[in-house]
């Protein structure tokens, strides 16, 4: 249930006690799935309703007459605030979609996925080193896991400059370690960084600190695979994000 909320229900057969337990378990599964779906649909509806007036306000701001430099500056600030509102709404929806388990699982080449993410970041001037390799494909939701690892890599290059990815594979689990050379995070703040809208950068500049949902989304997606994401400070300096994904 923890790995796949949309999995098939337990067969309600056997002795009476077993049938009752299976029925209670299946009822719980249905209620949890319904709760998550309802929450996603509500937020999607709210997002749609908010985007319409924001779009109207942006159009009206663009049509404001330019009456000197102060008026132009105010209009630009107005548009910038509306852009930020749109970004926050989109990020909130992405966070909820991270809990959605509608994507089908398939064998995924982790080595090819990491190489693709490395090449994408190289195009914008970031350098990522990859050590180790997965011995075989991992049964996963491809787009969800790509989003999970992309969020962690983007977070690492934003705050940590040099980034090294270490892949350790075994029969029980696949471990992906993402090390950076940044300033790290105080020990008592490590777990707090997974809270929605919690940001590691002190200023409120979205350009340098992001929205504050990347780590929360990454953990949600990893846990949807039965795994997890954790943070730790490296003894030699910098931060390590550990992604554990079970193979069983």
C-alpha atoms as a PDB file:
ATOM      1  CA  UNK A   1       0.000   0.000   0.000  1.00  0.00           C
ATOM      2  CA  UNK A   2       2.847   2.377   0.814  1.00  0.00           C
ATOM      3  CA  UNK A   3       4.484   1.789  -2.563  1.00  0.00           C
ATOM      4  CA  UNK A   4       1.356   1.752  -4.751  1.00  0.00           C
ATOM      5  CA  UNK A   5      -1.890   3.159  -3.443  1.00  0.00           C
ATOM      6  CA  UNK A   6      -3.603   2.295  -6.721  1.00  0.00           C
ATOM      7  CA  UNK A   7      -2.559  -1.363  -6.566  1.00  0.00           C
ATOM      8  CA  UNK A   8      -5.127  -4.174  -6.743  1.00  0.00           C
ATOM      9  CA  UNK A   9      -7.166  -4.856  -3.594  1.00  0.00           C
ATOM     10  CA  UNK A  10      -6.551  -7.869  -1.398  1.00  0.00           C
ATOM     11  CA  UNK A  11      -8.688 -10.910  -2.193  1.00  0.00           C
ATOM     12  CA  UNK A  12     -11.460 -11.160   0.383  1.00  0.00           C
ATOM     13  CA  UNK A  13     -11.353 -14.941   0.681  1.00  0.00           C
ATOM     14  CA  UNK A  14     -10.441 -17.497   3.323  1.00  0.00           C
ATOM     15  CA  UNK A  15     -11.524 -17.794   6.966  1.00  0.00           C
ATOM     16  CA  UNK A  16     -13.947 -15.215   8.329  1.00  0.00           C
ATOM     17  CA  UNK A  17     -11.270 -13.284  10.261  1.00  0.00           C
ATOM     18  CA  UNK A  18      -9.055 -13.052   7.180  1.00  0.00           C
ATOM     19  CA  UNK A  19     -11.985 -11.869   5.025  1.00  0.00           C
ATOM     20  CA  UNK A  20     -12.854  -9.198   7.573  1.00  0.00           C
ATOM     21  CA  UNK A  21      -9.259  -7.981   7.802  1.00  0.00           C
ATOM     22  CA  UNK A  22      -8.896  -7.893   4.006  1.00  0.00           C
ATOM     23  CA  UNK A  23     -12.176  -5.990   3.661  1.00  0.00           C
ATOM     24  CA  UNK A  24     -11.088  -3.410   6.260  1.00  0.00           C
ATOM     25  CA  UNK A  25      -7.733  -3.020   4.507  1.00  0.00           C
ATOM     26  CA  UNK A  26      -9.379  -2.538   1.102  1.00  0.00           C
ATOM     27  CA  UNK A  27     -11.792   0.009   2.563  1.00  0.00           C
ATOM     28  CA  UNK A  28      -8.873   1.974   4.020  1.00  0.00           C
ATOM     29  CA  UNK A  29      -7.083   1.886   0.665  1.00  0.00           C
ATOM     30  CA  UNK A  30     -10.148   3.229  -1.164  1.00  0.00           C
ATOM     31  CA  UNK A  31     -10.631   6.025   1.351  1.00  0.00           C
ATOM     32  CA  UNK A  32      -6.976   7.100   1.178  1.00  0.00           C
ATOM     33  CA  UNK A  33      -7.011   7.123  -2.627  1.00  0.00           C
ATOM     34  CA  UNK A  34     -10.259   9.076  -2.662  1.00  0.00           C
ATOM     35  CA  UNK A  35      -8.874  11.605  -0.179  1.00  0.00           C
ATOM     36  CA  UNK A  36      -5.762  12.250  -2.254  1.00  0.00           C
ATOM     37  CA  UNK A  37      -7.730  12.514  -5.500  1.00  0.00           C
ATOM     38  CA  UNK A  38     -10.229  14.917  -3.945  1.00  0.00           C
ATOM     39  CA  UNK A  39      -7.445  17.150  -2.633  1.00  0.00           C
ATOM     40  CA  UNK A  40      -5.759  17.272  -6.033  1.00  0.00           C
ATOM     41  CA  UNK A  41      -9.014  18.082  -7.827  1.00  0.00           C
ATOM     42  CA  UNK A  42      -9.897  20.847  -5.360  1.00  0.00           C
ATOM     43  CA  UNK A  43      -6.506  22.506  -5.740  1.00  0.00           C
ATOM     44  CA  UNK A  44      -6.671  22.150  -9.519  1.00  0.00           C
ATOM     45  CA  UNK A  45     -10.047  23.889  -9.527  1.00  0.00           C
ATOM     46  CA  UNK A  46      -8.770  26.669  -7.253  1.00  0.00           C
ATOM     47  CA  UNK A  47      -5.734  27.106  -9.488  1.00  0.00           C
ATOM     48  CA  UNK A  48      -7.885  27.378 -12.591  1.00  0.00           C
ATOM     49  CA  UNK A  49     -10.159  29.935 -10.946  1.00  0.00           C
ATOM     50  CA  UNK A  50      -7.169  32.020  -9.802  1.00  0.00           C
ATOM     51  CA  UNK A  51      -5.367  31.971 -13.142  1.00  0.00           C
ATOM     52  CA  UNK A  52      -8.274  33.653 -14.924  1.00  0.00           C
ATOM     53  CA  UNK A  53      -8.297  36.904 -12.860  1.00  0.00           C
ATOM     54  CA  UNK A  54      -4.483  36.946 -12.795  1.00  0.00           C
ATOM     55  CA  UNK A  55      -4.418  36.816 -16.599  1.00  0.00           C
ATOM     56  CA  UNK A  56      -6.968  39.642 -16.768  1.00  0.00           C
ATOM     57  CA  UNK A  57      -4.915  41.742 -14.345  1.00  0.00           C
ATOM     58  CA  UNK A  58      -1.747  41.173 -16.399  1.00  0.00           C
ATOM     59  CA  UNK A  59      -3.521  42.293 -19.562  1.00  0.00           C
ATOM     60  CA  UNK A  60      -4.823  45.404 -17.833  1.00  0.00           C
ATOM     61  CA  UNK A  61      -1.345  46.136 -16.451  1.00  0.00           C
ATOM     62  CA  UNK A  62       0.115  45.881 -19.963  1.00  0.00           C
ATOM     63  CA  UNK A  63      -2.465  48.391 -21.195  1.00  0.00           C
ATOM     64  CA  UNK A  64      -1.751  50.978 -18.511  1.00  0.00           C
ATOM     65  CA  UNK A  65      -0.612  54.272 -20.072  1.00  0.00           C
ATOM     66  CA  UNK A  66       3.068  55.081 -19.671  1.00  0.00           C
ATOM     67  CA  UNK A  67       3.229  58.454 -17.935  1.00  0.00           C
ATOM     68  CA  UNK A  68       6.839  58.896 -17.053  1.00  0.00           C
ATOM     69  CA  UNK A  69       9.382  56.660 -15.376  1.00  0.00           C
ATOM     70  CA  UNK A  70       7.580  56.191 -12.013  1.00  0.00           C
ATOM     71  CA  UNK A  71       4.437  54.880 -13.738  1.00  0.00           C
ATOM     72  CA  UNK A  72       6.494  52.478 -15.861  1.00  0.00           C
ATOM     73  CA  UNK A  73       8.324  51.170 -12.805  1.00  0.00           C
ATOM     74  CA  UNK A  74       5.046  50.600 -10.959  1.00  0.00           C
ATOM     75  CA  UNK A  75       3.585  48.750 -13.926  1.00  0.00           C
ATOM     76  CA  UNK A  76       6.647  46.495 -14.144  1.00  0.00           C
ATOM     77  CA  UNK A  77       6.402  45.724 -10.422  1.00  0.00           C
ATOM     78  CA  UNK A  78       2.712  44.963 -10.821  1.00  0.00           C
ATOM     79  CA  UNK A  79       3.398  42.490 -13.641  1.00  0.00           C
ATOM     80  CA  UNK A  80       6.300  40.944 -11.723  1.00  0.00           C
ATOM     81  CA  UNK A  81       4.063  40.293  -8.696  1.00  0.00           C
ATOM     82  CA  UNK A  82       1.434  38.667 -10.904  1.00  0.00           C
ATOM     83  CA  UNK A  83       4.090  36.478 -12.514  1.00  0.00           C
ATOM     84  CA  UNK A  84       5.180  35.369  -9.051  1.00  0.00           C
ATOM     85  CA  UNK A  85       1.589  34.516  -8.137  1.00  0.00           C
ATOM     86  CA  UNK A  86       1.321  32.341 -11.249  1.00  0.00           C
ATOM     87  CA  UNK A  87       4.575  30.599 -10.385  1.00  0.00           C
ATOM     88  CA  UNK A  88       3.423  29.867  -6.842  1.00  0.00           C
ATOM     89  CA  UNK A  89       0.138  28.422  -8.070  1.00  0.00           C
ATOM     90  CA  UNK A  90       1.917  26.206 -10.575  1.00  0.00           C
ATOM     91  CA  UNK A  91       4.434  25.025  -7.981  1.00  0.00           C
ATOM     92  CA  UNK A  92       1.658  24.189  -5.520  1.00  0.00           C
ATOM     93  CA  UNK A  93      -0.052  22.048  -8.124  1.00  0.00           C
ATOM     94  CA  UNK A  94       3.230  20.300  -8.919  1.00  0.00           C
ATOM     95  CA  UNK A  95       3.593  19.492  -5.223  1.00  0.00           C
ATOM     96  CA  UNK A  96       0.167  17.859  -5.151  1.00  0.00           C
ATOM     97  CA  UNK A  97       0.749  16.025  -8.415  1.00  0.00           C
ATOM     98  CA  UNK A  98       3.780  14.494  -6.739  1.00  0.00           C
ATOM     99  CA  UNK A  99       1.329  12.540  -4.590  1.00  0.00           C
ATOM    100  CA  UNK A 100      -0.580  11.303  -7.620  1.00  0.00           C
ATOM    101  CA  UNK A 101       0.075   7.661  -8.465  1.00  0.00           C
ATOM    102  CA  UNK A 102      -1.619   7.581 -11.869  1.00  0.00           C
ATOM    103  CA  UNK A 103       1.570   7.069 -13.922  1.00  0.00           C
ATOM    104  CA  UNK A 104       2.269   3.430 -14.725  1.00  0.00           C
ATOM    105  CA  UNK A 105       5.472   1.768 -13.611  1.00  0.00           C
ATOM    106  CA  UNK A 106       7.996   0.556 -16.197  1.00  0.00           C
ATOM    107  CA  UNK A 107      11.644  -0.615 -16.258  1.00  0.00           C
ATOM    108  CA  UNK A 108      13.741   2.572 -16.151  1.00  0.00           C
ATOM    109  CA  UNK A 109      17.406   2.922 -17.139  1.00  0.00           C
ATOM    110  CA  UNK A 110      18.719   5.003 -14.240  1.00  0.00           C
ATOM    111  CA  UNK A 111      22.130   5.464 -15.884  1.00  0.00           C
ATOM    112  CA  UNK A 112      20.571   6.961 -19.012  1.00  0.00           C
ATOM    113  CA  UNK A 113      18.263   9.143 -16.917  1.00  0.00           C
ATOM    114  CA  UNK A 114      21.130  10.605 -14.875  1.00  0.00           C
ATOM    115  CA  UNK A 115      23.205  11.174 -18.019  1.00  0.00           C
ATOM    116  CA  UNK A 116      20.286  13.009 -19.614  1.00  0.00           C
ATOM    117  CA  UNK A 117      19.813  15.241 -16.567  1.00  0.00           C
ATOM    118  CA  UNK A 118      23.563  15.925 -16.472  1.00  0.00           C
ATOM    119  CA  UNK A 119      23.536  16.940 -20.153  1.00  0.00           C
ATOM    120  CA  UNK A 120      20.519  19.204 -19.628  1.00  0.00           C
ATOM    121  CA  UNK A 121      22.304  21.079 -16.843  1.00  0.00           C
ATOM    122  CA  UNK A 122      25.527  21.199 -18.878  1.00  0.00           C
ATOM    123  CA  UNK A 123      23.664  23.209 -21.518  1.00  0.00           C
ATOM    124  CA  UNK A 124      23.173  25.992 -18.960  1.00  0.00           C
ATOM    125  CA  UNK A 125      26.799  25.882 -17.791  1.00  0.00           C
ATOM    126  CA  UNK A 126      26.569  23.484 -14.837  1.00  0.00           C
ATOM    127  CA  UNK A 127      29.055  20.624 -14.355  1.00  0.00           C
ATOM    128  CA  UNK A 128      27.983  17.352 -12.757  1.00  0.00           C
ATOM    129  CA  UNK A 129      30.176  14.297 -12.238  1.00  0.00           C
ATOM    130  CA  UNK A 130      28.632  10.814 -12.087  1.00  0.00           C
ATOM    131  CA  UNK A 131      30.362   7.918 -10.313  1.00  0.00           C
ATOM    132  CA  UNK A 132      29.111   4.350 -10.267  1.00  0.00           C
ATOM    133  CA  UNK A 133      26.185   2.917 -12.193  1.00  0.00           C
ATOM    134  CA  UNK A 134      22.978   0.967 -11.746  1.00  0.00           C
ATOM    135  CA  UNK A 135      23.452  -2.689 -12.613  1.00  0.00           C
ATOM    136  CA  UNK A 136      19.983  -3.101 -14.085  1.00  0.00           C
ATOM    137  CA  UNK A 137      16.837  -1.070 -14.793  1.00  0.00           C
ATOM    138  CA  UNK A 138      14.596  -0.073 -11.887  1.00  0.00           C
ATOM    139  CA  UNK A 139      10.847  -0.614 -11.938  1.00  0.00           C
ATOM    140  CA  UNK A 140       9.581   2.957 -11.485  1.00  0.00           C
ATOM    141  CA  UNK A 141       7.296   5.697 -12.730  1.00  0.00           C
ATOM    142  CA  UNK A 142       9.640   7.321 -15.284  1.00  0.00           C
ATOM    143  CA  UNK A 143       8.388  10.920 -15.272  1.00  0.00           C
ATOM    144  CA  UNK A 144       7.924  10.986 -11.505  1.00  0.00           C
ATOM    145  CA  UNK A 145      11.424   9.696 -10.788  1.00  0.00           C
ATOM    146  CA  UNK A 146      12.908  12.055 -13.368  1.00  0.00           C
ATOM    147  CA  UNK A 147      11.232  14.963 -11.590  1.00  0.00           C
ATOM    148  CA  UNK A 148      12.509  13.734  -8.221  1.00  0.00           C
ATOM    149  CA  UNK A 149      16.164  13.544  -9.327  1.00  0.00           C
ATOM    150  CA  UNK A 150      15.954  16.744 -11.393  1.00  0.00           C
ATOM    151  CA  UNK A 151      14.713  18.700  -8.383  1.00  0.00           C
ATOM    152  CA  UNK A 152      17.570  17.437  -6.233  1.00  0.00           C
ATOM    153  CA  UNK A 153      20.212  18.145  -8.896  1.00  0.00           C
ATOM    154  CA  UNK A 154      18.878  21.641  -9.558  1.00  0.00           C
ATOM    155  CA  UNK A 155      18.858  22.309  -5.827  1.00  0.00           C
ATOM    156  CA  UNK A 156      22.464  21.092  -5.558  1.00  0.00           C
ATOM    157  CA  UNK A 157      23.806  23.265  -8.384  1.00  0.00           C
ATOM    158  CA  UNK A 158      21.855  26.283  -7.119  1.00  0.00           C
ATOM    159  CA  UNK A 159      23.347  26.200  -3.646  1.00  0.00           C
ATOM    160  CA  UNK A 160      26.391  23.966  -3.896  1.00  0.00           C
ATOM    161  CA  UNK A 161      28.387  24.777  -7.040  1.00  0.00           C
ATOM    162  CA  UNK A 162      30.311  21.553  -7.821  1.00  0.00           C
ATOM    163  CA  UNK A 163      28.074  18.487  -7.792  1.00  0.00           C
ATOM    164  CA  UNK A 164      28.953  14.784  -7.790  1.00  0.00           C
ATOM    165  CA  UNK A 165      26.387  11.979  -8.159  1.00  0.00           C
ATOM    166  CA  UNK A 166      27.307   8.590  -6.690  1.00  0.00           C
ATOM    167  CA  UNK A 167      25.244   5.536  -7.680  1.00  0.00           C
ATOM    168  CA  UNK A 168      25.349   2.448  -5.449  1.00  0.00           C
ATOM    169  CA  UNK A 169      23.316  -0.581  -6.469  1.00  0.00           C
ATOM    170  CA  UNK A 170      22.454  -3.816  -4.666  1.00  0.00           C
ATOM    171  CA  UNK A 171      19.853  -6.547  -4.804  1.00  0.00           C
ATOM    172  CA  UNK A 172      17.817  -4.772  -2.097  1.00  0.00           C
ATOM    173  CA  UNK A 173      17.937  -1.107  -3.123  1.00  0.00           C
ATOM    174  CA  UNK A 174      19.304   1.526  -5.453  1.00  0.00           C
ATOM    175  CA  UNK A 175      21.046   4.393  -3.685  1.00  0.00           C
ATOM    176  CA  UNK A 176      21.692   7.708  -5.442  1.00  0.00           C
ATOM    177  CA  UNK A 177      23.860  10.179  -3.514  1.00  0.00           C
ATOM    178  CA  UNK A 178      23.976  13.797  -4.691  1.00  0.00           C
ATOM    179  CA  UNK A 179      26.908  15.664  -3.119  1.00  0.00           C
ATOM    180  CA  UNK A 180      27.578  19.375  -3.434  1.00  0.00           C
ATOM    181  CA  UNK A 181      30.302  21.695  -2.162  1.00  0.00           C
ATOM    182  CA  UNK A 182      28.046  24.378  -0.741  1.00  0.00           C
ATOM    183  CA  UNK A 183      27.800  25.733   2.805  1.00  0.00           C
ATOM    184  CA  UNK A 184      25.554  22.919   4.045  1.00  0.00           C
ATOM    185  CA  UNK A 185      22.599  23.328   6.401  1.00  0.00           C
ATOM    186  CA  UNK A 186      22.534  23.476  10.220  1.00  0.00           C
ATOM    187  CA  UNK A 187      21.801  20.027  11.638  1.00  0.00           C
ATOM    188  CA  UNK A 188      18.585  21.144  13.328  1.00  0.00           C
ATOM    189  CA  UNK A 189      17.274  22.520  10.014  1.00  0.00           C
ATOM    190  CA  UNK A 190      17.882  19.473   7.806  1.00  0.00           C
ATOM    191  CA  UNK A 191      14.459  17.869   8.242  1.00  0.00           C
ATOM    192  CA  UNK A 192      12.711  21.241   8.130  1.00  0.00           C
ATOM    193  CA  UNK A 193      13.948  21.756   4.562  1.00  0.00           C
ATOM    194  CA  UNK A 194      11.368  19.211   3.376  1.00  0.00           C
ATOM    195  CA  UNK A 195       8.480  21.368   4.559  1.00  0.00           C
ATOM    196  CA  UNK A 196       6.550  23.009   1.677  1.00  0.00           C
ATOM    197  CA  UNK A 197       7.780  26.537   0.857  1.00  0.00           C
ATOM    198  CA  UNK A 198      10.802  26.162   3.134  1.00  0.00           C
ATOM    199  CA  UNK A 199      13.845  27.637   1.390  1.00  0.00           C
ATOM    200  CA  UNK A 200      17.545  27.311   2.142  1.00  0.00           C
ATOM    201  CA  UNK A 201      18.365  30.749   0.799  1.00  0.00           C
ATOM    202  CA  UNK A 202      17.840  33.496   3.371  1.00  0.00           C
ATOM    203  CA  UNK A 203      16.575  36.226   1.050  1.00  0.00           C
ATOM    204  CA  UNK A 204      13.140  36.159  -0.547  1.00  0.00           C
ATOM    205  CA  UNK A 205      14.564  36.454  -4.046  1.00  0.00           C
ATOM    206  CA  UNK A 206      12.822  33.827  -6.183  1.00  0.00           C
ATOM    207  CA  UNK A 207      15.555  34.006  -8.791  1.00  0.00           C
ATOM    208  CA  UNK A 208      18.214  32.790  -6.323  1.00  0.00           C
ATOM    209  CA  UNK A 209      16.174  30.810  -3.828  1.00  0.00           C
ATOM    210  CA  UNK A 210      13.424  29.203  -5.858  1.00  0.00           C
ATOM    211  CA  UNK A 211       9.907  28.578  -4.595  1.00  0.00           C
ATOM    212  CA  UNK A 212      10.729  26.216  -1.759  1.00  0.00           C
ATOM    213  CA  UNK A 213       8.895  23.126  -2.999  1.00  0.00           C
ATOM    214  CA  UNK A 214      11.687  21.222  -4.762  1.00  0.00           C
ATOM    215  CA  UNK A 215      12.723  19.067  -1.815  1.00  0.00           C
ATOM    216  CA  UNK A 216       9.142  18.447  -0.699  1.00  0.00           C
ATOM    217  CA  UNK A 217       8.181  17.277  -4.195  1.00  0.00           C
ATOM    218  CA  UNK A 218      11.306  15.094  -4.447  1.00  0.00           C
ATOM    219  CA  UNK A 219      10.536  13.348  -1.147  1.00  0.00           C
ATOM    220  CA  UNK A 220       6.890  12.810  -2.092  1.00  0.00           C
ATOM    221  CA  UNK A 221       7.896  11.220  -5.394  1.00  0.00           C
ATOM    222  CA  UNK A 222      10.531   8.996  -3.775  1.00  0.00           C
ATOM    223  CA  UNK A 223       8.084   7.848  -1.122  1.00  0.00           C
ATOM    224  CA  UNK A 224       5.529   7.081  -3.834  1.00  0.00           C
ATOM    225  CA  UNK A 225       8.116   4.520  -5.018  1.00  0.00           C
ATOM    226  CA  UNK A 226       8.436   3.060  -1.517  1.00  0.00           C
ATOM    227  CA  UNK A 227      11.723   4.902  -0.976  1.00  0.00           C
ATOM    228  CA  UNK A 228      12.750   8.151   0.650  1.00  0.00           C
ATOM    229  CA  UNK A 229      14.995  11.224   0.405  1.00  0.00           C
ATOM    230  CA  UNK A 230      17.151  12.473   3.266  1.00  0.00           C
ATOM    231  CA  UNK A 231      19.710  15.247   3.760  1.00  0.00           C
ATOM    232  CA  UNK A 232      22.984  15.188   5.654  1.00  0.00           C
ATOM    233  CA  UNK A 233      26.053  17.389   5.972  1.00  0.00           C
ATOM    234  CA  UNK A 234      29.257  15.936   4.559  1.00  0.00           C
ATOM    235  CA  UNK A 235      32.285  15.860   6.911  1.00  0.00           C
ATOM    236  CA  UNK A 236      34.441  17.467   4.207  1.00  0.00           C
ATOM    237  CA  UNK A 237      31.872  20.224   3.673  1.00  0.00           C
ATOM    238  CA  UNK A 238      28.762  20.526   1.582  1.00  0.00           C
ATOM    239  CA  UNK A 239      25.417  18.781   1.570  1.00  0.00           C
ATOM    240  CA  UNK A 240      24.442  15.243   0.599  1.00  0.00           C
ATOM    241  CA  UNK A 241      20.974  14.308  -0.646  1.00  0.00           C
ATOM    242  CA  UNK A 242      20.415  10.544  -0.418  1.00  0.00           C
ATOM    243  CA  UNK A 243      17.734   8.892  -2.553  1.00  0.00           C
ATOM    244  CA  UNK A 244      16.892   5.321  -1.527  1.00  0.00           C
ATOM    245  CA  UNK A 245      14.748   3.284  -3.901  1.00  0.00           C
ATOM    246  CA  UNK A 246      13.854  -0.338  -3.066  1.00  0.00           C
ATOM    247  CA  UNK A 247      14.267  -3.039  -5.690  1.00  0.00           C
ATOM    248  CA  UNK A 248      12.041  -5.601  -4.012  1.00  0.00           C
END
